[in-house]
């Protein structure tokens, strides 16, 4: 089979094409008497770890949320549903080597197989070219998915806090930028939210707006609303 169109879609040209071929081979194919062929399962095992490492490193460097939020975000961008979607974007189903029975039963579009195959292809890239092309392959999908997940999970804590405070006439909220650090391309801002001049929350973020949102979130926690 000519894998040139697929390698173009993947964005990586294999030196050892047999690694890619193995990553696309399901056990149902090898079980049909194709002697000497290996399925993708061992590659999928390795790919799962490589994917976890690259994703964790990216989120650690780019997202300043607490450990719990990072864990949830990582789980969302590498879950079966997400990996299946990445495989479909690449068209991996068209190149799968499946046994007749598995193919007739819809194996080429089965989410679990597509998700595993994405991890197997990642491992093949890692073994063939190292961590750099593997990272580029992962981030191509992880970055937009993480941004989408952030938008879904985002809450307007400032508005929520304002609505609570407005229930008591005379109370006044104010946000104060108390500090900033880091180079221009990667600054960290620190903001305080004051209630009648008393600090009720401190937040950090990559922008002044984000730090204010996190300060409002801390205030909501203090009040028992978060």
C-alpha atoms as a PDB file:
ATOM      1  CA  UNK A   1       0.000   0.000   0.000  1.00  0.00           C
ATOM      2  CA  UNK A   2       1.167   3.516  -0.763  1.00  0.00           C
ATOM      3  CA  UNK A   3       1.364   5.429   2.527  1.00  0.00           C
ATOM      4  CA  UNK A   4       2.633   8.656   0.951  1.00  0.00           C
ATOM      5  CA  UNK A   5      -0.733  10.504   1.197  1.00  0.00           C
ATOM      6  CA  UNK A   6      -1.078   9.425   4.835  1.00  0.00           C
ATOM      7  CA  UNK A   7       2.448  10.548   5.742  1.00  0.00           C
ATOM      8  CA  UNK A   8       1.662  13.906   4.174  1.00  0.00           C
ATOM      9  CA  UNK A   9      -1.473  14.090   6.319  1.00  0.00           C
ATOM     10  CA  UNK A  10       0.489  13.072   9.418  1.00  0.00           C
ATOM     11  CA  UNK A  11       3.184  15.622   8.642  1.00  0.00           C
ATOM     12  CA  UNK A  12       6.045  13.156   9.000  1.00  0.00           C
ATOM     13  CA  UNK A  13       7.924  10.981   6.520  1.00  0.00           C
ATOM     14  CA  UNK A  14       8.999   7.627   7.946  1.00  0.00           C
ATOM     15  CA  UNK A  15      12.497   6.322   7.412  1.00  0.00           C
ATOM     16  CA  UNK A  16      11.271   2.869   8.440  1.00  0.00           C
ATOM     17  CA  UNK A  17       7.876   2.487   6.768  1.00  0.00           C
ATOM     18  CA  UNK A  18       7.352  -0.851   8.512  1.00  0.00           C
ATOM     19  CA  UNK A  19       6.782   0.996  11.795  1.00  0.00           C
ATOM     20  CA  UNK A  20       3.851   2.854  10.272  1.00  0.00           C
ATOM     21  CA  UNK A  21       2.571  -0.336   8.698  1.00  0.00           C
ATOM     22  CA  UNK A  22       2.675  -2.079  12.091  1.00  0.00           C
ATOM     23  CA  UNK A  23       0.879   0.853  13.749  1.00  0.00           C
ATOM     24  CA  UNK A  24      -1.993   0.391  11.305  1.00  0.00           C
ATOM     25  CA  UNK A  25      -2.278  -3.394  11.724  1.00  0.00           C
ATOM     26  CA  UNK A  26      -5.051  -4.750  13.950  1.00  0.00           C
ATOM     27  CA  UNK A  27      -4.747  -8.103  15.725  1.00  0.00           C
ATOM     28  CA  UNK A  28      -7.665  -9.454  13.660  1.00  0.00           C
ATOM     29  CA  UNK A  29      -5.459  -9.111  10.570  1.00  0.00           C
ATOM     30  CA  UNK A  30      -2.466 -10.929  12.069  1.00  0.00           C
ATOM     31  CA  UNK A  31      -4.764 -13.655  13.392  1.00  0.00           C
ATOM     32  CA  UNK A  32      -5.908 -14.499   9.864  1.00  0.00           C
ATOM     33  CA  UNK A  33      -2.690 -16.284   9.092  1.00  0.00           C
ATOM     34  CA  UNK A  34      -0.385 -13.419   8.102  1.00  0.00           C
ATOM     35  CA  UNK A  35       2.751 -15.076   9.445  1.00  0.00           C
ATOM     36  CA  UNK A  36       5.493 -12.850  10.853  1.00  0.00           C
ATOM     37  CA  UNK A  37       3.328  -9.740  11.107  1.00  0.00           C
ATOM     38  CA  UNK A  38       2.855  -7.841  14.334  1.00  0.00           C
ATOM     39  CA  UNK A  39      -0.216  -5.834  15.323  1.00  0.00           C
ATOM     40  CA  UNK A  40      -0.192  -2.348  16.826  1.00  0.00           C
ATOM     41  CA  UNK A  41      -0.778  -3.358  20.457  1.00  0.00           C
ATOM     42  CA  UNK A  42       2.818  -2.993  21.691  1.00  0.00           C
ATOM     43  CA  UNK A  43       3.143   0.321  19.888  1.00  0.00           C
ATOM     44  CA  UNK A  44      -0.140   1.491  21.428  1.00  0.00           C
ATOM     45  CA  UNK A  45       1.260   0.670  24.877  1.00  0.00           C
ATOM     46  CA  UNK A  46       4.290   2.901  24.262  1.00  0.00           C
ATOM     47  CA  UNK A  47       2.263   5.597  22.527  1.00  0.00           C
ATOM     48  CA  UNK A  48      -0.020   5.953  25.517  1.00  0.00           C
ATOM     49  CA  UNK A  49       2.958   6.906  27.706  1.00  0.00           C
ATOM     50  CA  UNK A  50       4.495   9.234  25.117  1.00  0.00           C
ATOM     51  CA  UNK A  51       1.148  10.971  24.665  1.00  0.00           C
ATOM     52  CA  UNK A  52       0.731  11.375  28.417  1.00  0.00           C
ATOM     53  CA  UNK A  53       4.197  12.880  28.840  1.00  0.00           C
ATOM     54  CA  UNK A  54       3.939  15.350  25.945  1.00  0.00           C
ATOM     55  CA  UNK A  55       0.460  16.448  26.991  1.00  0.00           C
ATOM     56  CA  UNK A  56       1.425  16.859  30.653  1.00  0.00           C
ATOM     57  CA  UNK A  57       4.512  18.892  29.754  1.00  0.00           C
ATOM     58  CA  UNK A  58       2.513  21.173  27.457  1.00  0.00           C
ATOM     59  CA  UNK A  59      -0.201  21.810  30.042  1.00  0.00           C
ATOM     60  CA  UNK A  60       2.371  22.337  32.813  1.00  0.00           C
ATOM     61  CA  UNK A  61       4.155  24.990  30.757  1.00  0.00           C
ATOM     62  CA  UNK A  62       1.110  26.724  29.272  1.00  0.00           C
ATOM     63  CA  UNK A  63      -1.618  26.433  31.896  1.00  0.00           C
ATOM     64  CA  UNK A  64      -1.194  27.961  35.337  1.00  0.00           C
ATOM     65  CA  UNK A  65      -4.203  26.275  36.885  1.00  0.00           C
ATOM     66  CA  UNK A  66      -3.935  24.007  39.949  1.00  0.00           C
ATOM     67  CA  UNK A  67      -3.053  20.309  39.688  1.00  0.00           C
ATOM     68  CA  UNK A  68      -6.684  19.212  39.802  1.00  0.00           C
ATOM     69  CA  UNK A  69      -7.636  21.380  36.822  1.00  0.00           C
ATOM     70  CA  UNK A  70      -4.602  20.228  34.829  1.00  0.00           C
ATOM     71  CA  UNK A  71      -5.531  16.595  35.487  1.00  0.00           C
ATOM     72  CA  UNK A  72      -9.097  17.163  34.282  1.00  0.00           C
ATOM     73  CA  UNK A  73      -7.914  19.023  31.194  1.00  0.00           C
ATOM     74  CA  UNK A  74      -5.381  16.325  30.328  1.00  0.00           C
ATOM     75  CA  UNK A  75      -8.032  13.636  30.696  1.00  0.00           C
ATOM     76  CA  UNK A  76     -10.362  15.561  28.372  1.00  0.00           C
ATOM     77  CA  UNK A  77      -7.833  16.005  25.553  1.00  0.00           C
ATOM     78  CA  UNK A  78      -6.540  12.405  25.549  1.00  0.00           C
ATOM     79  CA  UNK A  79      -9.777  10.515  26.210  1.00  0.00           C
ATOM     80  CA  UNK A  80     -11.018   7.898  23.745  1.00  0.00           C
ATOM     81  CA  UNK A  81     -13.489  10.311  22.170  1.00  0.00           C
ATOM     82  CA  UNK A  82     -10.773  12.905  21.526  1.00  0.00           C
ATOM     83  CA  UNK A  83      -8.235  10.405  20.175  1.00  0.00           C
ATOM     84  CA  UNK A  84     -10.876   8.916  17.905  1.00  0.00           C
ATOM     85  CA  UNK A  85     -11.562  12.391  16.501  1.00  0.00           C
ATOM     86  CA  UNK A  86      -7.831  12.948  15.873  1.00  0.00           C
ATOM     87  CA  UNK A  87      -7.644   9.647  13.977  1.00  0.00           C
ATOM     88  CA  UNK A  88     -10.629  10.598  11.856  1.00  0.00           C
ATOM     89  CA  UNK A  89      -8.981  13.907  10.969  1.00  0.00           C
ATOM     90  CA  UNK A  90      -5.992  11.947   9.696  1.00  0.00           C
ATOM     91  CA  UNK A  91      -8.112   9.381   7.880  1.00  0.00           C
ATOM     92  CA  UNK A  92      -6.431   6.454   9.652  1.00  0.00           C
ATOM     93  CA  UNK A  93      -9.493   4.276   9.146  1.00  0.00           C
ATOM     94  CA  UNK A  94      -8.829   4.181   5.413  1.00  0.00           C
ATOM     95  CA  UNK A  95      -5.396   2.641   5.981  1.00  0.00           C
ATOM     96  CA  UNK A  96      -6.206   0.124   8.725  1.00  0.00           C
ATOM     97  CA  UNK A  97      -5.311  -3.489   8.092  1.00  0.00           C
ATOM     98  CA  UNK A  98      -8.231  -5.431   9.584  1.00  0.00           C
ATOM     99  CA  UNK A  99      -9.396  -9.006   9.418  1.00  0.00           C
ATOM    100  CA  UNK A 100     -12.432  -9.655   7.222  1.00  0.00           C
ATOM    101  CA  UNK A 101     -14.762 -10.186  10.146  1.00  0.00           C
ATOM    102  CA  UNK A 102     -13.589  -7.063  11.978  1.00  0.00           C
ATOM    103  CA  UNK A 103     -13.928  -4.949   8.864  1.00  0.00           C
ATOM    104  CA  UNK A 104     -17.439  -6.269   8.168  1.00  0.00           C
ATOM    105  CA  UNK A 105     -18.387  -5.428  11.763  1.00  0.00           C
ATOM    106  CA  UNK A 106     -17.353  -1.797  11.337  1.00  0.00           C
ATOM    107  CA  UNK A 107     -13.905  -2.006  12.902  1.00  0.00           C
ATOM    108  CA  UNK A 108     -12.553   0.786  10.698  1.00  0.00           C
ATOM    109  CA  UNK A 109     -14.880   3.262  12.403  1.00  0.00           C
ATOM    110  CA  UNK A 110     -14.884   1.801  15.928  1.00  0.00           C
ATOM    111  CA  UNK A 111     -13.837   4.531  18.416  1.00  0.00           C
ATOM    112  CA  UNK A 112     -11.711   2.225  20.595  1.00  0.00           C
ATOM    113  CA  UNK A 113      -9.691   0.984  17.614  1.00  0.00           C
ATOM    114  CA  UNK A 114      -9.256   4.461  16.150  1.00  0.00           C
ATOM    115  CA  UNK A 115      -8.106   5.812  19.526  1.00  0.00           C
ATOM    116  CA  UNK A 116      -5.595   2.990  20.000  1.00  0.00           C
ATOM    117  CA  UNK A 117      -4.315   3.414  16.463  1.00  0.00           C
ATOM    118  CA  UNK A 118      -3.629   7.112  17.036  1.00  0.00           C
ATOM    119  CA  UNK A 119      -1.399   6.171  19.982  1.00  0.00           C
ATOM    120  CA  UNK A 120       0.276   3.451  17.929  1.00  0.00           C
ATOM    121  CA  UNK A 121       1.079   5.901  15.112  1.00  0.00           C
ATOM    122  CA  UNK A 122       2.484   8.322  17.694  1.00  0.00           C
ATOM    123  CA  UNK A 123       4.764   5.594  19.047  1.00  0.00           C
ATOM    124  CA  UNK A 124       5.880   4.756  15.514  1.00  0.00           C
ATOM    125  CA  UNK A 125       6.815   8.402  14.933  1.00  0.00           C
ATOM    126  CA  UNK A 126       8.666   8.507  18.259  1.00  0.00           C
ATOM    127  CA  UNK A 127      10.668   5.354  17.496  1.00  0.00           C
ATOM    128  CA  UNK A 128      11.433   6.466  13.953  1.00  0.00           C
ATOM    129  CA  UNK A 129      12.305  10.114  14.555  1.00  0.00           C
ATOM    130  CA  UNK A 130      12.493  10.860  18.271  1.00  0.00           C
ATOM    131  CA  UNK A 131      10.655  13.171  20.617  1.00  0.00           C
ATOM    132  CA  UNK A 132      10.605  16.296  18.417  1.00  0.00           C
ATOM    133  CA  UNK A 133       8.411  14.991  15.560  1.00  0.00           C
ATOM    134  CA  UNK A 134       6.329  13.098  18.121  1.00  0.00           C
ATOM    135  CA  UNK A 135       5.726  16.324  20.037  1.00  0.00           C
ATOM    136  CA  UNK A 136       4.810  18.214  16.876  1.00  0.00           C
ATOM    137  CA  UNK A 137       2.345  15.461  15.963  1.00  0.00           C
ATOM    138  CA  UNK A 138       0.668  15.551  19.385  1.00  0.00           C
ATOM    139  CA  UNK A 139       0.512  19.328  19.815  1.00  0.00           C
ATOM    140  CA  UNK A 140      -1.132  19.729  16.423  1.00  0.00           C
ATOM    141  CA  UNK A 141      -4.223  18.134  17.973  1.00  0.00           C
ATOM    142  CA  UNK A 142      -3.810  18.840  21.690  1.00  0.00           C
ATOM    143  CA  UNK A 143      -3.462  22.629  21.486  1.00  0.00           C
ATOM    144  CA  UNK A 144      -6.784  23.362  19.715  1.00  0.00           C
ATOM    145  CA  UNK A 145      -8.595  20.709  21.771  1.00  0.00           C
ATOM    146  CA  UNK A 146      -7.244  22.143  25.030  1.00  0.00           C
ATOM    147  CA  UNK A 147      -8.359  25.629  24.010  1.00  0.00           C
ATOM    148  CA  UNK A 148     -11.820  24.317  23.194  1.00  0.00           C
ATOM    149  CA  UNK A 149     -12.014  22.527  26.543  1.00  0.00           C
ATOM    150  CA  UNK A 150     -10.926  25.673  28.369  1.00  0.00           C
ATOM    151  CA  UNK A 151     -13.712  27.638  26.702  1.00  0.00           C
ATOM    152  CA  UNK A 152     -16.240  24.990  27.707  1.00  0.00           C
ATOM    153  CA  UNK A 153     -15.047  24.894  31.299  1.00  0.00           C
ATOM    154  CA  UNK A 154     -14.560  28.629  31.702  1.00  0.00           C
ATOM    155  CA  UNK A 155     -16.794  30.429  34.178  1.00  0.00           C
ATOM    156  CA  UNK A 156     -17.185  34.165  34.590  1.00  0.00           C
ATOM    157  CA  UNK A 157     -16.249  34.288  38.260  1.00  0.00           C
ATOM    158  CA  UNK A 158     -16.197  38.097  38.311  1.00  0.00           C
ATOM    159  CA  UNK A 159     -19.826  38.320  37.233  1.00  0.00           C
ATOM    160  CA  UNK A 160     -20.840  35.655  39.753  1.00  0.00           C
ATOM    161  CA  UNK A 161     -19.061  37.500  42.565  1.00  0.00           C
ATOM    162  CA  UNK A 162     -20.557  40.833  41.525  1.00  0.00           C
ATOM    163  CA  UNK A 163     -24.075  39.377  41.565  1.00  0.00           C
ATOM    164  CA  UNK A 164     -23.559  38.055  45.100  1.00  0.00           C
ATOM    165  CA  UNK A 165     -22.112  41.313  46.424  1.00  0.00           C
ATOM    166  CA  UNK A 166     -24.908  43.375  44.858  1.00  0.00           C
ATOM    167  CA  UNK A 167     -27.366  41.624  47.138  1.00  0.00           C
ATOM    168  CA  UNK A 168     -25.987  43.823  49.934  1.00  0.00           C
ATOM    169  CA  UNK A 169     -26.389  47.520  49.037  1.00  0.00           C
ATOM    170  CA  UNK A 170     -23.366  49.609  49.913  1.00  0.00           C
ATOM    171  CA  UNK A 171     -20.802  46.834  49.416  1.00  0.00           C
ATOM    172  CA  UNK A 172     -18.064  47.768  46.939  1.00  0.00           C
ATOM    173  CA  UNK A 173     -15.787  45.504  44.900  1.00  0.00           C
ATOM    174  CA  UNK A 174     -12.475  46.598  43.442  1.00  0.00           C
ATOM    175  CA  UNK A 175      -9.745  44.733  41.541  1.00  0.00           C
ATOM    176  CA  UNK A 176      -6.135  45.775  42.101  1.00  0.00           C
ATOM    177  CA  UNK A 177      -3.125  44.609  40.085  1.00  0.00           C
ATOM    178  CA  UNK A 178      -0.622  43.805  42.831  1.00  0.00           C
ATOM    179  CA  UNK A 179       2.241  42.422  40.792  1.00  0.00           C
ATOM    180  CA  UNK A 180       3.625  41.027  37.539  1.00  0.00           C
ATOM    181  CA  UNK A 181       6.706  39.003  36.701  1.00  0.00           C
ATOM    182  CA  UNK A 182       8.416  37.167  33.870  1.00  0.00           C
ATOM    183  CA  UNK A 183       9.500  38.155  30.325  1.00  0.00           C
ATOM    184  CA  UNK A 184       7.130  40.033  28.026  1.00  0.00           C
ATOM    185  CA  UNK A 185       6.170  36.896  26.081  1.00  0.00           C
ATOM    186  CA  UNK A 186       5.336  34.922  29.240  1.00  0.00           C
ATOM    187  CA  UNK A 187       4.228  37.281  31.989  1.00  0.00           C
ATOM    188  CA  UNK A 188       2.432  36.295  35.166  1.00  0.00           C
ATOM    189  CA  UNK A 189      -0.004  38.816  36.614  1.00  0.00           C
ATOM    190  CA  UNK A 190      -1.213  38.888  40.224  1.00  0.00           C
ATOM    191  CA  UNK A 191      -4.483  40.609  41.116  1.00  0.00           C
ATOM    192  CA  UNK A 192      -6.365  41.138  44.358  1.00  0.00           C
ATOM    193  CA  UNK A 193     -10.077  41.590  44.747  1.00  0.00           C
ATOM    194  CA  UNK A 194     -11.076  43.965  47.532  1.00  0.00           C
ATOM    195  CA  UNK A 195     -14.421  44.111  49.300  1.00  0.00           C
ATOM    196  CA  UNK A 196     -14.698  47.468  51.044  1.00  0.00           C
ATOM    197  CA  UNK A 197     -10.876  47.717  51.011  1.00  0.00           C
ATOM    198  CA  UNK A 198     -10.420  44.197  52.488  1.00  0.00           C
ATOM    199  CA  UNK A 199      -8.595  41.604  50.377  1.00  0.00           C
ATOM    200  CA  UNK A 200     -10.909  38.621  49.875  1.00  0.00           C
ATOM    201  CA  UNK A 201      -9.114  36.895  47.017  1.00  0.00           C
ATOM    202  CA  UNK A 202      -5.779  36.748  45.178  1.00  0.00           C
ATOM    203  CA  UNK A 203      -5.361  35.329  41.682  1.00  0.00           C
ATOM    204  CA  UNK A 204      -2.613  34.668  39.145  1.00  0.00           C
ATOM    205  CA  UNK A 205      -2.850  34.403  35.377  1.00  0.00           C
ATOM    206  CA  UNK A 206      -1.210  34.956  32.007  1.00  0.00           C
ATOM    207  CA  UNK A 207      -3.168  38.182  31.596  1.00  0.00           C
ATOM    208  CA  UNK A 208      -4.603  40.817  33.914  1.00  0.00           C
ATOM    209  CA  UNK A 209      -8.107  39.620  33.028  1.00  0.00           C
ATOM    210  CA  UNK A 210      -7.299  36.011  33.885  1.00  0.00           C
ATOM    211  CA  UNK A 211      -5.691  36.977  37.196  1.00  0.00           C
ATOM    212  CA  UNK A 212      -8.810  38.960  38.134  1.00  0.00           C
ATOM    213  CA  UNK A 213     -11.009  35.973  37.285  1.00  0.00           C
ATOM    214  CA  UNK A 214      -8.886  33.746  39.512  1.00  0.00           C
ATOM    215  CA  UNK A 215      -9.013  36.309  42.325  1.00  0.00           C
ATOM    216  CA  UNK A 216     -12.808  36.360  42.046  1.00  0.00           C
ATOM    217  CA  UNK A 217     -12.807  32.572  42.124  1.00  0.00           C
ATOM    218  CA  UNK A 218     -10.782  32.562  45.349  1.00  0.00           C
ATOM    219  CA  UNK A 219     -13.245  35.030  46.845  1.00  0.00           C
ATOM    220  CA  UNK A 220     -16.153  32.764  45.902  1.00  0.00           C
ATOM    221  CA  UNK A 221     -14.378  29.850  47.567  1.00  0.00           C
ATOM    222  CA  UNK A 222     -13.935  31.928  50.712  1.00  0.00           C
ATOM    223  CA  UNK A 223     -17.642  32.655  50.696  1.00  0.00           C
ATOM    224  CA  UNK A 224     -18.493  28.991  50.186  1.00  0.00           C
ATOM    225  CA  UNK A 225     -19.835  29.340  46.616  1.00  0.00           C
ATOM    226  CA  UNK A 226     -17.080  27.452  44.734  1.00  0.00           C
END
